[in-house]
Amino acid sequence: MEEKEDEILTLQEAADFLRVGRNAMSKMVNNGEIPGKKVGREWRFSRQALLKWLENGQAKNKK
């Protein structure tokens, strides 16, 4: 399968793409820290939106 910038990712695929754990990814999306859409019971992510999020440094620093 050819990778495209507008590819839609599942929660696990997005976590793998960002190199974070599934639980961390789930927590970030549920807290609104990362762009994603819920489709039924499943989260979906745009690879391009995740890249923009990373490039813009939109991660929230919480301690």
PDB file of N, CA and C in Angstrom:
ATOM      1  N   MET A   1       0.844  -1.184   0.000  1.00  0.00           N
ATOM      2  CA  MET A   1       0.000   0.000   0.000  1.00  0.00           C
ATOM      3  C   MET A   1       0.882   1.238   0.000  1.00  0.00           C
ATOM      4  N   GLU A   2       0.620   2.161  -0.879  1.00  0.00           N
ATOM      5  CA  GLU A   2       1.402   3.373  -1.014  1.00  0.00           C
ATOM      6  C   GLU A   2       0.994   4.391   0.055  1.00  0.00           C
ATOM      7  N   GLU A   3       2.000   4.965   0.738  1.00  0.00           N
ATOM      8  CA  GLU A   3       1.704   5.967   1.766  1.00  0.00           C
ATOM      9  C   GLU A   3       1.395   7.303   1.109  1.00  0.00           C
ATOM     10  N   LYS A   4       0.398   7.985   1.635  1.00  0.00           N
ATOM     11  CA  LYS A   4       0.016   9.308   1.146  1.00  0.00           C
ATOM     12  C   LYS A   4      -0.093  10.227   2.345  1.00  0.00           C
ATOM     13  N   GLU A   5       0.147  11.532   2.118  1.00  0.00           N
ATOM     14  CA  GLU A   5       0.083  12.484   3.220  1.00  0.00           C
ATOM     15  C   GLU A   5      -1.314  12.598   3.808  1.00  0.00           C
ATOM     16  N   ASP A   6      -2.354  12.353   3.008  1.00  0.00           N
ATOM     17  CA  ASP A   6      -3.719  12.496   3.499  1.00  0.00           C
ATOM     18  C   ASP A   6      -4.297  11.175   3.987  1.00  0.00           C
ATOM     19  N   GLU A   7      -3.439  10.204   4.197  1.00  0.00           N
ATOM     20  CA  GLU A   7      -3.868   8.894   4.666  1.00  0.00           C
ATOM     21  C   GLU A   7      -4.577   9.008   6.018  1.00  0.00           C
ATOM     22  N   ILE A   8      -5.631   8.219   6.202  1.00  0.00           N
ATOM     23  CA  ILE A   8      -6.376   8.175   7.453  1.00  0.00           C
ATOM     24  C   ILE A   8      -5.829   7.030   8.290  1.00  0.00           C
ATOM     25  N   LEU A   9      -5.540   7.322   9.556  1.00  0.00           N
ATOM     26  CA  LEU A   9      -4.942   6.355  10.460  1.00  0.00           C
ATOM     27  C   LEU A   9      -5.890   5.983  11.593  1.00  0.00           C
ATOM     28  N   THR A  10      -5.781   4.764  12.075  1.00  0.00           N
ATOM     29  CA  THR A  10      -6.489   4.336  13.276  1.00  0.00           C
ATOM     30  C   THR A  10      -5.712   4.846  14.493  1.00  0.00           C
ATOM     31  N   LEU A  11      -6.253   4.650  15.676  1.00  0.00           N
ATOM     32  CA  LEU A  11      -5.578   5.061  16.902  1.00  0.00           C
ATOM     33  C   LEU A  11      -4.212   4.391  17.020  1.00  0.00           C
ATOM     34  N   GLN A  12      -4.141   3.099  16.785  1.00  0.00           N
ATOM     35  CA  GLN A  12      -2.867   2.378  16.895  1.00  0.00           C
ATOM     36  C   GLN A  12      -1.874   2.842  15.842  1.00  0.00           C
ATOM     37  N   GLU A  13      -2.338   3.040  14.612  1.00  0.00           N
ATOM     38  CA  GLU A  13      -1.455   3.503  13.543  1.00  0.00           C
ATOM     39  C   GLU A  13      -0.919   4.898  13.838  1.00  0.00           C
ATOM     40  N   ALA A  14      -1.785   5.774  14.369  1.00  0.00           N
ATOM     41  CA  ALA A  14      -1.350   7.126  14.720  1.00  0.00           C
ATOM     42  C   ALA A  14      -0.345   7.095  15.866  1.00  0.00           C
ATOM     43  N   ALA A  15      -0.578   6.236  16.840  1.00  0.00           N
ATOM     44  CA  ALA A  15       0.360   6.086  17.954  1.00  0.00           C
ATOM     45  C   ALA A  15       1.710   5.591  17.437  1.00  0.00           C
ATOM     46  N   ASP A  16       1.695   4.626  16.553  1.00  0.00           N
ATOM     47  CA  ASP A  16       2.932   4.115  15.961  1.00  0.00           C
ATOM     48  C   ASP A  16       3.635   5.211  15.161  1.00  0.00           C
ATOM     49  N   PHE A  17       2.872   5.971  14.400  1.00  0.00           N
ATOM     50  CA  PHE A  17       3.417   7.061  13.585  1.00  0.00           C
ATOM     51  C   PHE A  17       4.119   8.101  14.457  1.00  0.00           C
ATOM     52  N   LEU A  18       3.517   8.430  15.605  1.00  0.00           N
ATOM     53  CA  LEU A  18       4.093   9.420  16.518  1.00  0.00           C
ATOM     54  C   LEU A  18       5.086   8.807  17.499  1.00  0.00           C
ATOM     55  N   ARG A  19       5.172   7.472  17.462  1.00  0.00           N
ATOM     56  CA  ARG A  19       6.073   6.724  18.346  1.00  0.00           C
ATOM     57  C   ARG A  19       5.749   6.955  19.819  1.00  0.00           C
ATOM     58  N   VAL A  20       4.459   6.851  20.119  1.00  0.00           N
ATOM     59  CA  VAL A  20       3.982   6.913  21.502  1.00  0.00           C
ATOM     60  C   VAL A  20       3.141   5.673  21.752  1.00  0.00           C
ATOM     61  N   GLY A  21       2.894   5.379  23.005  1.00  0.00           N
ATOM     62  CA  GLY A  21       2.050   4.243  23.340  1.00  0.00           C
ATOM     63  C   GLY A  21       0.586   4.509  23.020  1.00  0.00           C
ATOM     64  N   ARG A  22      -0.154   3.425  22.860  1.00  0.00           N
ATOM     65  CA  ARG A  22      -1.587   3.535  22.564  1.00  0.00           C
ATOM     66  C   ARG A  22      -2.330   4.288  23.671  1.00  0.00           C
ATOM     67  N   ASN A  23      -1.990   4.002  24.933  1.00  0.00           N
ATOM     68  CA  ASN A  23      -2.654   4.679  26.051  1.00  0.00           C
ATOM     69  C   ASN A  23      -2.352   6.172  26.059  1.00  0.00           C
ATOM     70  N   ALA A  24      -1.106   6.538  25.782  1.00  0.00           N
ATOM     71  CA  ALA A  24      -0.728   7.955  25.732  1.00  0.00           C
ATOM     72  C   ALA A  24      -1.484   8.659  24.606  1.00  0.00           C
ATOM     73  N   MET A  25      -1.588   8.003  23.459  1.00  0.00           N
ATOM     74  CA  MET A  25      -2.306   8.568  22.315  1.00  0.00           C
ATOM     75  C   MET A  25      -3.772   8.760  22.654  1.00  0.00           C
ATOM     76  N   SER A  26      -4.365   7.764  23.276  1.00  0.00           N
ATOM     77  CA  SER A  26      -5.768   7.839  23.662  1.00  0.00           C
ATOM     78  C   SER A  26      -5.999   8.988  24.638  1.00  0.00           C
ATOM     79  N   LYS A  27      -5.114   9.134  25.592  1.00  0.00           N
ATOM     80  CA  LYS A  27      -5.225  10.202  26.576  1.00  0.00           C
ATOM     81  C   LYS A  27      -5.124  11.580  25.911  1.00  0.00           C
ATOM     82  N   MET A  28      -4.166  11.728  25.000  1.00  0.00           N
ATOM     83  CA  MET A  28      -3.981  13.014  24.309  1.00  0.00           C
ATOM     84  C   MET A  28      -5.203  13.394  23.482  1.00  0.00           C
ATOM     85  N   VAL A  29      -5.761  12.434  22.765  1.00  0.00           N
ATOM     86  CA  VAL A  29      -6.911  12.755  21.915  1.00  0.00           C
ATOM     87  C   VAL A  29      -8.154  13.013  22.766  1.00  0.00           C
ATOM     88  N   ASN A  30      -8.329  12.276  23.846  1.00  0.00           N
ATOM     89  CA  ASN A  30      -9.482  12.506  24.724  1.00  0.00           C
ATOM     90  C   ASN A  30      -9.400  13.849  25.442  1.00  0.00           C
ATOM     91  N   ASN A  31      -8.174  14.344  25.664  1.00  0.00           N
ATOM     92  CA  ASN A  31      -7.978  15.657  26.295  1.00  0.00           C
ATOM     93  C   ASN A  31      -7.983  16.798  25.281  1.00  0.00           C
ATOM     94  N   GLY A  32      -8.164  16.483  24.002  1.00  0.00           N
ATOM     95  CA  GLY A  32      -8.195  17.509  22.963  1.00  0.00           C
ATOM     96  C   GLY A  32      -6.825  18.083  22.634  1.00  0.00           C
ATOM     97  N   GLU A  33      -5.776  17.366  22.984  1.00  0.00           N
ATOM     98  CA  GLU A  33      -4.418  17.842  22.750  1.00  0.00           C
ATOM     99  C   GLU A  33      -3.920  17.552  21.341  1.00  0.00           C
ATOM    100  N   ILE A  34      -4.577  16.666  20.657  1.00  0.00           N
ATOM    101  CA  ILE A  34      -4.107  16.211  19.350  1.00  0.00           C
ATOM    102  C   ILE A  34      -5.304  16.116  18.409  1.00  0.00           C
ATOM    103  N   PRO A  35      -5.126  16.451  17.125  1.00  0.00           N
ATOM    104  CA  PRO A  35      -6.274  16.434  16.203  1.00  0.00           C
ATOM    105  C   PRO A  35      -6.727  15.023  15.832  1.00  0.00           C
ATOM    106  N   GLY A  36      -8.013  14.781  15.996  1.00  0.00           N
ATOM    107  CA  GLY A  36      -8.590  13.495  15.635  1.00  0.00           C
ATOM    108  C   GLY A  36     -10.106  13.607  15.602  1.00  0.00           C
ATOM    109  N   LYS A  37     -10.746  12.655  14.968  1.00  0.00           N
ATOM    110  CA  LYS A  37     -12.211  12.608  14.874  1.00  0.00           C
ATOM    111  C   LYS A  37     -12.692  11.236  15.291  1.00  0.00           C
ATOM    112  N   LYS A  38     -13.760  11.219  16.036  1.00  0.00           N
ATOM    113  CA  LYS A  38     -14.357   9.947  16.425  1.00  0.00           C
ATOM    114  C   LYS A  38     -15.397   9.561  15.375  1.00  0.00           C
ATOM    115  N   VAL A  39     -15.242   8.362  14.846  1.00  0.00           N
ATOM    116  CA  VAL A  39     -16.170   7.827  13.856  1.00  0.00           C
ATOM    117  C   VAL A  39     -16.795   6.602  14.508  1.00  0.00           C
ATOM    118  N   GLY A  40     -18.031   6.759  14.944  1.00  0.00           N
ATOM    119  CA  GLY A  40     -18.667   5.695  15.722  1.00  0.00           C
ATOM    120  C   GLY A  40     -17.941   5.565  17.049  1.00  0.00           C
ATOM    121  N   ARG A  41     -17.390   4.387  17.313  1.00  0.00           N
ATOM    122  CA  ARG A  41     -16.653   4.154  18.559  1.00  0.00           C
ATOM    123  C   ARG A  41     -15.137   4.249  18.369  1.00  0.00           C
ATOM    124  N   GLU A  42     -14.703   4.500  17.146  1.00  0.00           N
ATOM    125  CA  GLU A  42     -13.279   4.477  16.813  1.00  0.00           C
ATOM    126  C   GLU A  42     -12.747   5.869  16.485  1.00  0.00           C
ATOM    127  N   TRP A  43     -11.501   6.130  16.857  1.00  0.00           N
ATOM    128  CA  TRP A  43     -10.830   7.374  16.506  1.00  0.00           C
ATOM    129  C   TRP A  43     -10.141   7.222  15.159  1.00  0.00           C
ATOM    130  N   ARG A  44     -10.144   8.301  14.375  1.00  0.00           N
ATOM    131  CA  ARG A  44      -9.438   8.351  13.105  1.00  0.00           C
ATOM    132  C   ARG A  44      -8.612   9.634  13.070  1.00  0.00           C
ATOM    133  N   PHE A  45      -7.455   9.543  12.407  1.00  0.00           N
ATOM    134  CA  PHE A  45      -6.510  10.646  12.362  1.00  0.00           C
ATOM    135  C   PHE A  45      -6.008  10.848  10.949  1.00  0.00           C
ATOM    136  N   SER A  46      -5.838  12.091  10.568  1.00  0.00           N
ATOM    137  CA  SER A  46      -5.239  12.430   9.293  1.00  0.00           C
ATOM    138  C   SER A  46      -3.725  12.507   9.491  1.00  0.00           C
ATOM    139  N   ARG A  47      -2.983  11.771   8.684  1.00  0.00           N
ATOM    140  CA  ARG A  47      -1.524  11.815   8.769  1.00  0.00           C
ATOM    141  C   ARG A  47      -1.044  13.255   8.563  1.00  0.00           C
ATOM    142  N   GLN A  48      -1.655  13.961   7.610  1.00  0.00           N
ATOM    143  CA  GLN A  48      -1.263  15.343   7.320  1.00  0.00           C
ATOM    144  C   GLN A  48      -1.539  16.254   8.519  1.00  0.00           C
ATOM    145  N   ALA A  49      -2.671  16.082   9.192  1.00  0.00           N
ATOM    146  CA  ALA A  49      -2.993  16.899  10.369  1.00  0.00           C
ATOM    147  C   ALA A  49      -2.010  16.624  11.505  1.00  0.00           C
ATOM    148  N   LEU A  50      -1.610  15.373  11.666  1.00  0.00           N
ATOM    149  CA  LEU A  50      -0.631  15.039  12.706  1.00  0.00           C
ATOM    150  C   LEU A  50       0.724  15.667  12.400  1.00  0.00           C
ATOM    151  N   LEU A  51       1.128  15.661  11.128  1.00  0.00           N
ATOM    152  CA  LEU A  51       2.387  16.298  10.738  1.00  0.00           C
ATOM    153  C   LEU A  51       2.344  17.805  11.003  1.00  0.00           C
ATOM    154  N   LYS A  52       1.223  18.439  10.654  1.00  0.00           N
ATOM    155  CA  LYS A  52       1.070  19.879  10.914  1.00  0.00           C
ATOM    156  C   LYS A  52       1.131  20.159  12.408  1.00  0.00           C
ATOM    157  N   TRP A  53       0.470  19.319  13.195  1.00  0.00           N
ATOM    158  CA  TRP A  53       0.461  19.462  14.645  1.00  0.00           C
ATOM    159  C   TRP A  53       1.885  19.410  15.193  1.00  0.00           C
ATOM    160  N   LEU A  54       2.680  18.476  14.698  1.00  0.00           N
ATOM    161  CA  LEU A  54       4.073  18.350  15.125  1.00  0.00           C
ATOM    162  C   LEU A  54       4.898  19.560  14.687  1.00  0.00           C
ATOM    163  N   GLU A  55       4.734  19.964  13.423  1.00  0.00           N
ATOM    164  CA  GLU A  55       5.511  21.066  12.873  1.00  0.00           C
ATOM    165  C   GLU A  55       5.213  22.380  13.572  1.00  0.00           C
ATOM    166  N   ASN A  56       3.979  22.574  13.990  1.00  0.00           N
ATOM    167  CA  ASN A  56       3.574  23.818  14.632  1.00  0.00           C
ATOM    168  C   ASN A  56       3.843  23.812  16.133  1.00  0.00           C
ATOM    169  N   GLY A  57       4.343  22.711  16.655  1.00  0.00           N
ATOM    170  CA  GLY A  57       4.641  22.647  18.081  1.00  0.00           C
ATOM    171  C   GLY A  57       3.407  22.857  18.925  1.00  0.00           C
ATOM    172  N   GLN A  58       2.293  22.262  18.520  1.00  0.00           N
ATOM    173  CA  GLN A  58       1.034  22.472  19.222  1.00  0.00           C
ATOM    174  C   GLN A  58       0.847  21.560  20.403  1.00  0.00           C
ATOM    175  N   ALA A  59       1.869  20.815  20.768  1.00  0.00           N
ATOM    176  CA  ALA A  59       1.758  19.948  21.942  1.00  0.00           C
ATOM    177  C   ALA A  59       1.692  20.810  23.198  1.00  0.00           C
ATOM    178  N   LYS A  60       0.792  20.484  24.075  1.00  0.00           N
ATOM    179  CA  LYS A  60       0.651  21.201  25.337  1.00  0.00           C
ATOM    180  C   LYS A  60       1.620  20.622  26.356  1.00  0.00           C
ATOM    181  N   ASN A  61       2.353  21.457  27.002  1.00  0.00           N
ATOM    182  CA  ASN A  61       3.271  21.008  28.048  1.00  0.00           C
ATOM    183  C   ASN A  61       2.552  21.047  29.383  1.00  0.00           C
ATOM    184  N   LYS A  62       2.125  19.892  29.834  1.00  0.00           N
ATOM    185  CA  LYS A  62       1.412  19.785  31.118  1.00  0.00           C
ATOM    186  C   LYS A  62       2.306  19.068  32.114  1.00  0.00           C
ATOM    187  N   LYS A  63       2.321  19.553  33.324  1.00  0.00           N
ATOM    188  CA  LYS A  63       3.108  18.886  34.380  1.00  0.00           C
ATOM    189  C   LYS A  63       2.293  18.754  35.627  1.00  0.00           C
TER     190      LYS A  63
END
